[in-house]
Amino acid sequence: MVVNVNYDDVKTQITELIEAAMRGDKVVITKNGIQIVQLVPMKTARKPKFGSAKGKIKFAPDFNAPLADFNEYMQ
């Protein structure tokens, strides 16, 4: 369902508009007949699951080897 509301009426209907957006309705705010804002609910952030990147990260075999640029400092 699409809910169109005039910019001047938002103050009095904000609670209903937020509830409509959270239900999944498309809430569009217009000013002078032009669509200016669409009200959409936030996506809930998911917490990363511990260990979910296991096997996705690979290190080069020489990862811990000293860099050639530091050879003079290492001696």
PDB file of N, CA and C in Angstrom:
ATOM      1  N   MET A   1       0.841  -1.177   0.000  1.00  0.00           N
ATOM      2  CA  MET A   1       0.000   0.000   0.000  1.00  0.00           C
ATOM      3  C   MET A   1       0.889   1.244   0.000  1.00  0.00           C
ATOM      4  N   VAL A   2       0.518   2.240  -0.765  1.00  0.00           N
ATOM      5  CA  VAL A   2       1.264   3.491  -0.824  1.00  0.00           C
ATOM      6  C   VAL A   2       0.489   4.552  -0.050  1.00  0.00           C
ATOM      7  N   VAL A   3       1.181   5.212   0.868  1.00  0.00           N
ATOM      8  CA  VAL A   3       0.576   6.286   1.653  1.00  0.00           C
ATOM      9  C   VAL A   3       1.233   7.588   1.222  1.00  0.00           C
ATOM     10  N   ASN A   4       0.461   8.468   0.606  1.00  0.00           N
ATOM     11  CA  ASN A   4       0.958   9.787   0.227  1.00  0.00           C
ATOM     12  C   ASN A   4       0.450  10.796   1.232  1.00  0.00           C
ATOM     13  N   VAL A   5       1.331  11.628   1.722  1.00  0.00           N
ATOM     14  CA  VAL A   5       0.936  12.637   2.707  1.00  0.00           C
ATOM     15  C   VAL A   5       1.615  13.950   2.355  1.00  0.00           C
ATOM     16  N   ASN A   6       0.876  15.036   2.538  1.00  0.00           N
ATOM     17  CA  ASN A   6       1.408  16.360   2.254  1.00  0.00           C
ATOM     18  C   ASN A   6       2.379  16.773   3.353  1.00  0.00           C
ATOM     19  N   TYR A   7       3.414  17.479   2.978  1.00  0.00           N
ATOM     20  CA  TYR A   7       4.462  17.947   3.885  1.00  0.00           C
ATOM     21  C   TYR A   7       3.888  18.665   5.100  1.00  0.00           C
ATOM     22  N   ASP A   8       2.859  19.470   4.900  1.00  0.00           N
ATOM     23  CA  ASP A   8       2.277  20.253   6.002  1.00  0.00           C
ATOM     24  C   ASP A   8       1.509  19.385   6.997  1.00  0.00           C
ATOM     25  N   ASP A   9       1.090  18.185   6.584  1.00  0.00           N
ATOM     26  CA  ASP A   9       0.313  17.306   7.455  1.00  0.00           C
ATOM     27  C   ASP A   9       1.172  16.315   8.234  1.00  0.00           C
ATOM     28  N   VAL A  10       2.468  16.290   7.990  1.00  0.00           N
ATOM     29  CA  VAL A  10       3.342  15.295   8.625  1.00  0.00           C
ATOM     30  C   VAL A  10       3.380  15.462  10.138  1.00  0.00           C
ATOM     31  N   LYS A  11       3.429  16.689  10.627  1.00  0.00           N
ATOM     32  CA  LYS A  11       3.522  16.915  12.078  1.00  0.00           C
ATOM     33  C   LYS A  11       2.379  16.255  12.840  1.00  0.00           C
ATOM     34  N   THR A  12       1.197  16.308  12.299  1.00  0.00           N
ATOM     35  CA  THR A  12       0.044  15.764  13.017  1.00  0.00           C
ATOM     36  C   THR A  12      -0.119  14.264  12.821  1.00  0.00           C
ATOM     37  N   GLN A  13       0.558  13.682  11.805  1.00  0.00           N
ATOM     38  CA  GLN A  13       0.361  12.269  11.497  1.00  0.00           C
ATOM     39  C   GLN A  13       1.629  11.436  11.637  1.00  0.00           C
ATOM     40  N   ILE A  14       2.684  11.978  12.208  1.00  0.00           N
ATOM     41  CA  ILE A  14       3.977  11.301  12.201  1.00  0.00           C
ATOM     42  C   ILE A  14       3.920   9.912  12.838  1.00  0.00           C
ATOM     43  N   THR A  15       3.196   9.760  13.940  1.00  0.00           N
ATOM     44  CA  THR A  15       3.113   8.459  14.597  1.00  0.00           C
ATOM     45  C   THR A  15       2.479   7.423  13.675  1.00  0.00           C
ATOM     46  N   GLU A  16       1.381   7.781  13.036  1.00  0.00           N
ATOM     47  CA  GLU A  16       0.702   6.863  12.119  1.00  0.00           C
ATOM     48  C   GLU A  16       1.579   6.553  10.906  1.00  0.00           C
ATOM     49  N   LEU A  17       2.330   7.546  10.430  1.00  0.00           N
ATOM     50  CA  LEU A  17       3.198   7.343   9.266  1.00  0.00           C
ATOM     51  C   LEU A  17       4.344   6.389   9.592  1.00  0.00           C
ATOM     52  N   ILE A  18       4.912   6.544  10.769  1.00  0.00           N
ATOM     53  CA  ILE A  18       5.997   5.647  11.190  1.00  0.00           C
ATOM     54  C   ILE A  18       5.463   4.219  11.317  1.00  0.00           C
ATOM     55  N   GLU A  19       4.304   4.063  11.922  1.00  0.00           N
ATOM     56  CA  GLU A  19       3.712   2.732  12.068  1.00  0.00           C
ATOM     57  C   GLU A  19       3.401   2.114  10.706  1.00  0.00           C
ATOM     58  N   ALA A  20       2.929   2.924   9.761  1.00  0.00           N
ATOM     59  CA  ALA A  20       2.636   2.419   8.418  1.00  0.00           C
ATOM     60  C   ALA A  20       3.913   1.952   7.732  1.00  0.00           C
ATOM     61  N   ALA A  21       4.987   2.725   7.873  1.00  0.00           N
ATOM     62  CA  ALA A  21       6.271   2.337   7.264  1.00  0.00           C
ATOM     63  C   ALA A  21       6.791   1.046   7.886  1.00  0.00           C
ATOM     64  N   MET A  22       6.622   0.895   9.191  1.00  0.00           N
ATOM     65  CA  MET A  22       7.096  -0.305   9.867  1.00  0.00           C
ATOM     66  C   MET A  22       6.266  -1.539   9.475  1.00  0.00           C
ATOM     67  N   ARG A  23       5.026  -1.340   9.076  1.00  0.00           N
ATOM     68  CA  ARG A  23       4.191  -2.434   8.587  1.00  0.00           C
ATOM     69  C   ARG A  23       4.588  -2.847   7.176  1.00  0.00           C
ATOM     70  N   GLY A  24       5.358  -2.001   6.508  1.00  0.00           N
ATOM     71  CA  GLY A  24       5.779  -2.313   5.144  1.00  0.00           C
ATOM     72  C   GLY A  24       5.119  -1.458   4.091  1.00  0.00           C
ATOM     73  N   ASP A  25       4.277  -0.519   4.505  1.00  0.00           N
ATOM     74  CA  ASP A  25       3.658   0.387   3.543  1.00  0.00           C
ATOM     75  C   ASP A  25       4.684   1.384   3.028  1.00  0.00           C
ATOM     76  N   LYS A  26       4.511   1.805   1.795  1.00  0.00           N
ATOM     77  CA  LYS A  26       5.397   2.821   1.216  1.00  0.00           C
ATOM     78  C   LYS A  26       4.814   4.181   1.593  1.00  0.00           C
ATOM     79  N   VAL A  27       5.556   4.953   2.390  1.00  0.00           N
ATOM     80  CA  VAL A  27       5.094   6.263   2.851  1.00  0.00           C
ATOM     81  C   VAL A  27       5.885   7.332   2.105  1.00  0.00           C
ATOM     82  N   VAL A  28       5.163   8.140   1.324  1.00  0.00           N
ATOM     83  CA  VAL A  28       5.796   9.179   0.519  1.00  0.00           C
ATOM     84  C   VAL A  28       5.276  10.529   0.974  1.00  0.00           C
ATOM     85  N   ILE A  29       6.189  11.441   1.260  1.00  0.00           N
ATOM     86  CA  ILE A  29       5.833  12.795   1.668  1.00  0.00           C
ATOM     87  C   ILE A  29       6.017  13.701   0.456  1.00  0.00           C
ATOM     88  N   THR A  30       4.992  14.487   0.178  1.00  0.00           N
ATOM     89  CA  THR A  30       5.019  15.368  -0.985  1.00  0.00           C
ATOM     90  C   THR A  30       4.925  16.824  -0.559  1.00  0.00           C
ATOM     91  N   LYS A  31       5.491  17.686  -1.395  1.00  0.00           N
ATOM     92  CA  LYS A  31       5.390  19.125  -1.168  1.00  0.00           C
ATOM     93  C   LYS A  31       5.099  19.759  -2.519  1.00  0.00           C
ATOM     94  N   ASN A  32       4.008  20.498  -2.585  1.00  0.00           N
ATOM     95  CA  ASN A  32       3.555  21.120  -3.832  1.00  0.00           C
ATOM     96  C   ASN A  32       3.391  20.077  -4.935  1.00  0.00           C
ATOM     97  N   GLY A  33       2.922  18.881  -4.554  1.00  0.00           N
ATOM     98  CA  GLY A  33       2.669  17.826  -5.522  1.00  0.00           C
ATOM     99  C   GLY A  33       3.907  17.071  -5.983  1.00  0.00           C
ATOM    100  N   ILE A  34       5.061  17.396  -5.431  1.00  0.00           N
ATOM    101  CA  ILE A  34       6.315  16.738  -5.810  1.00  0.00           C
ATOM    102  C   ILE A  34       6.761  15.839  -4.668  1.00  0.00           C
ATOM    103  N   GLN A  35       7.115  14.590  -4.993  1.00  0.00           N
ATOM    104  CA  GLN A  35       7.591  13.667  -3.972  1.00  0.00           C
ATOM    105  C   GLN A  35       8.967  14.120  -3.493  1.00  0.00           C
ATOM    106  N   ILE A  36       9.104  14.310  -2.178  1.00  0.00           N
ATOM    107  CA  ILE A  36      10.390  14.791  -1.654  1.00  0.00           C
ATOM    108  C   ILE A  36      11.053  13.805  -0.700  1.00  0.00           C
ATOM    109  N   VAL A  37      10.272  12.981  -0.008  1.00  0.00           N
ATOM    110  CA  VAL A  37      10.841  12.068   0.987  1.00  0.00           C
ATOM    111  C   VAL A  37      10.057  10.764   0.975  1.00  0.00           C
ATOM    112  N   GLN A  38      10.792   9.640   1.125  1.00  0.00           N
ATOM    113  CA  GLN A  38      10.139   8.366   1.344  1.00  0.00           C
ATOM    114  C   GLN A  38      10.547   7.875   2.720  1.00  0.00           C
ATOM    115  N   LEU A  39       9.584   7.515   3.521  1.00  0.00           N
ATOM    116  CA  LEU A  39       9.820   7.050   4.884  1.00  0.00           C
ATOM    117  C   LEU A  39       9.920   5.527   4.867  1.00  0.00           C
ATOM    118  N   VAL A  40      11.082   5.023   5.271  1.00  0.00           N
ATOM    119  CA  VAL A  40      11.298   3.566   5.290  1.00  0.00           C
ATOM    120  C   VAL A  40      11.871   3.166   6.639  1.00  0.00           C
ATOM    121  N   PRO A  41      11.537   1.954   7.113  1.00  0.00           N
ATOM    122  CA  PRO A  41      12.093   1.514   8.400  1.00  0.00           C
ATOM    123  C   PRO A  41      13.567   1.157   8.258  1.00  0.00           C
ATOM    124  N   MET A  42      14.291   1.280   9.346  1.00  0.00           N
ATOM    125  CA  MET A  42      15.703   0.918   9.387  1.00  0.00           C
ATOM    126  C   MET A  42      15.831  -0.591   9.374  1.00  0.00           C
ATOM    127  N   LYS A  43      16.876  -1.082   8.734  1.00  0.00           N
ATOM    128  CA  LYS A  43      17.186  -2.500   8.804  1.00  0.00           C
ATOM    129  C   LYS A  43      17.931  -2.729  10.109  1.00  0.00           C
ATOM    130  N   THR A  44      17.553  -3.763  10.802  1.00  0.00           N
ATOM    131  CA  THR A  44      18.229  -4.036  12.065  1.00  0.00           C
ATOM    132  C   THR A  44      19.624  -4.581  11.779  1.00  0.00           C
ATOM    133  N   ALA A  45      20.580  -4.070  12.483  1.00  0.00           N
ATOM    134  CA  ALA A  45      21.970  -4.513  12.312  1.00  0.00           C
ATOM    135  C   ALA A  45      22.138  -5.879  12.953  1.00  0.00           C
ATOM    136  N   ARG A  46      22.730  -6.782  12.207  1.00  0.00           N
ATOM    137  CA  ARG A  46      22.985  -8.109  12.752  1.00  0.00           C
ATOM    138  C   ARG A  46      24.370  -8.132  13.367  1.00  0.00           C
ATOM    139  N   LYS A  47      24.469  -8.754  14.526  1.00  0.00           N
ATOM    140  CA  LYS A  47      25.773  -8.918  15.156  1.00  0.00           C
ATOM    141  C   LYS A  47      26.519 -10.017  14.410  1.00  0.00           C
ATOM    142  N   PRO A  48      27.773  -9.786  14.095  1.00  0.00           N
ATOM    143  CA  PRO A  48      28.518 -10.852  13.426  1.00  0.00           C
ATOM    144  C   PRO A  48      28.676 -12.051  14.352  1.00  0.00           C
ATOM    145  N   LYS A  49      28.557 -13.217  13.776  1.00  0.00           N
ATOM    146  CA  LYS A  49      28.697 -14.446  14.550  1.00  0.00           C
ATOM    147  C   LYS A  49      30.179 -14.764  14.675  1.00  0.00           C
ATOM    148  N   PHE A  50      30.635 -15.061  15.880  1.00  0.00           N
ATOM    149  CA  PHE A  50      32.032 -15.370  16.120  1.00  0.00           C
ATOM    150  C   PHE A  50      32.446 -16.557  15.261  1.00  0.00           C
ATOM    151  N   GLY A  51      33.515 -16.386  14.511  1.00  0.00           N
ATOM    152  CA  GLY A  51      34.037 -17.457  13.666  1.00  0.00           C
ATOM    153  C   GLY A  51      33.415 -17.513  12.286  1.00  0.00           C
ATOM    154  N   SER A  52      32.571 -16.538  11.940  1.00  0.00           N
ATOM    155  CA  SER A  52      31.887 -16.589  10.648  1.00  0.00           C
ATOM    156  C   SER A  52      32.827 -16.351   9.463  1.00  0.00           C
ATOM    157  N   ALA A  53      34.024 -15.814   9.691  1.00  0.00           N
ATOM    158  CA  ALA A  53      34.979 -15.580   8.601  1.00  0.00           C
ATOM    159  C   ALA A  53      36.007 -16.707   8.491  1.00  0.00           C
ATOM    160  N   LYS A  54      35.817 -17.765   9.269  1.00  0.00           N
ATOM    161  CA  LYS A  54      36.777 -18.864   9.262  1.00  0.00           C
ATOM    162  C   LYS A  54      36.895 -19.451   7.856  1.00  0.00           C
ATOM    163  N   GLY A  55      38.138 -19.566   7.379  1.00  0.00           N
ATOM    164  CA  GLY A  55      38.394 -20.118   6.064  1.00  0.00           C
ATOM    165  C   GLY A  55      38.284 -19.110   4.935  1.00  0.00           C
ATOM    166  N   LYS A  56      37.882 -17.882   5.222  1.00  0.00           N
ATOM    167  CA  LYS A  56      37.721 -16.859   4.190  1.00  0.00           C
ATOM    168  C   LYS A  56      38.933 -15.948   4.076  1.00  0.00           C
ATOM    169  N   ILE A  57      39.808 -15.976   5.071  1.00  0.00           N
ATOM    170  CA  ILE A  57      40.978 -15.111   5.075  1.00  0.00           C
ATOM    171  C   ILE A  57      42.221 -15.970   4.920  1.00  0.00           C
ATOM    172  N   LYS A  58      43.030 -15.621   3.946  1.00  0.00           N
ATOM    173  CA  LYS A  58      44.264 -16.381   3.675  1.00  0.00           C
ATOM    174  C   LYS A  58      45.453 -15.435   3.829  1.00  0.00           C
ATOM    175  N   PHE A  59      46.502 -15.915   4.478  1.00  0.00           N
ATOM    176  CA  PHE A  59      47.727 -15.151   4.632  1.00  0.00           C
ATOM    177  C   PHE A  59      48.793 -15.732   3.720  1.00  0.00           C
ATOM    178  N   ALA A  60      49.629 -14.876   3.183  1.00  0.00           N
ATOM    179  CA  ALA A  60      50.741 -15.340   2.356  1.00  0.00           C
ATOM    180  C   ALA A  60      51.712 -16.128   3.227  1.00  0.00           C
ATOM    181  N   PRO A  61      52.396 -17.125   2.653  1.00  0.00           N
ATOM    182  CA  PRO A  61      53.332 -17.930   3.454  1.00  0.00           C
ATOM    183  C   PRO A  61      54.432 -17.104   4.113  1.00  0.00           C
ATOM    184  N   ASP A  62      54.821 -15.998   3.484  1.00  0.00           N
ATOM    185  CA  ASP A  62      55.886 -15.155   4.046  1.00  0.00           C
ATOM    186  C   ASP A  62      55.329 -13.952   4.814  1.00  0.00           C
ATOM    187  N   PHE A  63      54.121 -14.067   5.329  1.00  0.00           N
ATOM    188  CA  PHE A  63      53.464 -12.961   6.014  1.00  0.00           C
ATOM    189  C   PHE A  63      54.316 -12.393   7.156  1.00  0.00           C
ATOM    190  N   ASN A  64      54.922 -13.236   7.952  1.00  0.00           N
ATOM    191  CA  ASN A  64      55.712 -12.786   9.107  1.00  0.00           C
ATOM    192  C   ASN A  64      57.187 -12.582   8.783  1.00  0.00           C
ATOM    193  N   ALA A  65      57.594 -12.789   7.553  1.00  0.00           N
ATOM    194  CA  ALA A  65      59.005 -12.603   7.176  1.00  0.00           C
ATOM    195  C   ALA A  65      59.335 -11.117   7.196  1.00  0.00           C
ATOM    196  N   PRO A  66      60.557 -10.765   7.598  1.00  0.00           N
ATOM    197  CA  PRO A  66      60.933  -9.349   7.620  1.00  0.00           C
ATOM    198  C   PRO A  66      60.940  -8.773   6.201  1.00  0.00           C
ATOM    199  N   LEU A  67      60.587  -7.530   6.093  1.00  0.00           N
ATOM    200  CA  LEU A  67      60.585  -6.849   4.801  1.00  0.00           C
ATOM    201  C   LEU A  67      62.013  -6.507   4.385  1.00  0.00           C
ATOM    202  N   ALA A  68      62.254  -6.557   3.086  1.00  0.00           N
ATOM    203  CA  ALA A  68      63.604  -6.274   2.563  1.00  0.00           C
ATOM    204  C   ALA A  68      64.017  -4.834   2.889  1.00  0.00           C
ATOM    205  N   ASP A  69      63.065  -3.936   2.989  1.00  0.00           N
ATOM    206  CA  ASP A  69      63.369  -2.533   3.291  1.00  0.00           C
ATOM    207  C   ASP A  69      64.021  -2.363   4.686  1.00  0.00           C
ATOM    208  N   PHE A  70      63.835  -3.317   5.558  1.00  0.00           N
ATOM    209  CA  PHE A  70      64.351  -3.200   6.928  1.00  0.00           C
ATOM    210  C   PHE A  70      65.591  -4.056   7.171  1.00  0.00           C
ATOM    211  N   ASN A  71      66.167  -4.612   6.134  1.00  0.00           N
ATOM    212  CA  ASN A  71      67.336  -5.493   6.295  1.00  0.00           C
ATOM    213  C   ASN A  71      68.485  -4.782   7.019  1.00  0.00           C
ATOM    214  N   GLU A  72      68.769  -3.530   6.681  1.00  0.00           N
ATOM    215  CA  GLU A  72      69.891  -2.836   7.328  1.00  0.00           C
ATOM    216  C   GLU A  72      69.622  -2.601   8.806  1.00  0.00           C
ATOM    217  N   TYR A  73      68.360  -2.486   9.232  1.00  0.00           N
ATOM    218  CA  TYR A  73      68.043  -2.290  10.640  1.00  0.00           C
ATOM    219  C   TYR A  73      68.056  -3.586  11.426  1.00  0.00           C
ATOM    220  N   MET A  74      67.888  -4.710  10.730  1.00  0.00           N
ATOM    221  CA  MET A  74      67.775  -6.002  11.383  1.00  0.00           C
ATOM    222  C   MET A  74      69.153  -6.602  11.697  1.00  0.00           C
ATOM    223  N   GLN A  75      70.223  -6.051  11.163  1.00  0.00           N
ATOM    224  CA  GLN A  75      71.560  -6.643  11.350  1.00  0.00           C
ATOM    225  C   GLN A  75      72.247  -6.099  12.571  1.00  0.00           C
TER     226      GLN A  75
END
